[in-house]
């Protein structure tokens, strides 16, 4: 059976989604559905206004800049546990600076971080969503803007603080399940929809790791008839998915960078708190 008929993203407004899935995060945890998609969760006009602000404030390079001074394929606005987590003190200090930056970065616009958290709280039925924090109260980064320029790609992989990164010293390591929330700010093409992710109907196991590490997963998936689906978004669209499902992101093509606002999410049925971080 193909992915088109068996495993497709759920697209609905929040109330309809809750009617069909009374516990949406549990459905994601079980990989019952590949993704929950909320169209036009954020005003696309505000996306463009904030991107202009990021450029004006030097937080990202202007895609029309041909000086060659900055050749990074990815620029982050925010704090990445994946990149900084090896040094916990540095990570938490960087996260504090991100909170200070975000306190006024969105002035005059709808707050996209709050938009994402509000949607997540609605999906987290019976639980309380909080910015992730250590027992001493120090918070992680609340979310991160990832700006990907021409050629940037993510090969098949998973994201998980324990299974992939082995960050056992962090409070978020207590969560069995990890999700991601991604708000599309700009596609690489201004025309039409663009694929933000390819999700494979395949939860990570240790037996899969050699295929991921050796970059033979796509061959493995074809040989084992593993279904997949594409998540196509326009600016302002928001989706959530289980990051233990093997996933990939196609290479950015064209002159415009792909820009998203992203969070990771820690979930476990036995915990009343849902933690979110970047």
Foldseek 3Di string as FASTA:
>chain_A
DACVPQEEEAEDALVVVCVVPVQVVVCQQVSVHFKYKYALLFPLVLLVVLVVVCCVVVQDPDLVDPPPPDDDQKGKLAADCLVPVVDPVVQLVRQVVSVVCLVPSSPPGPRVLVSQLVSVCSNRPQAAEDAFDAPVRRGGHSWMKMWGFFFDKFAWDFDDCCPPVNSVVGPLNVFPFKKKKKAWSAALDQDDWDFFKKFWSDFDDPVCVVCRVVVNVVVVCVVVVIHIDTDIGHHSMMMMHTRRTTMIGDGRDHSGITIIMMWMWGDDPVHRYIHIHD
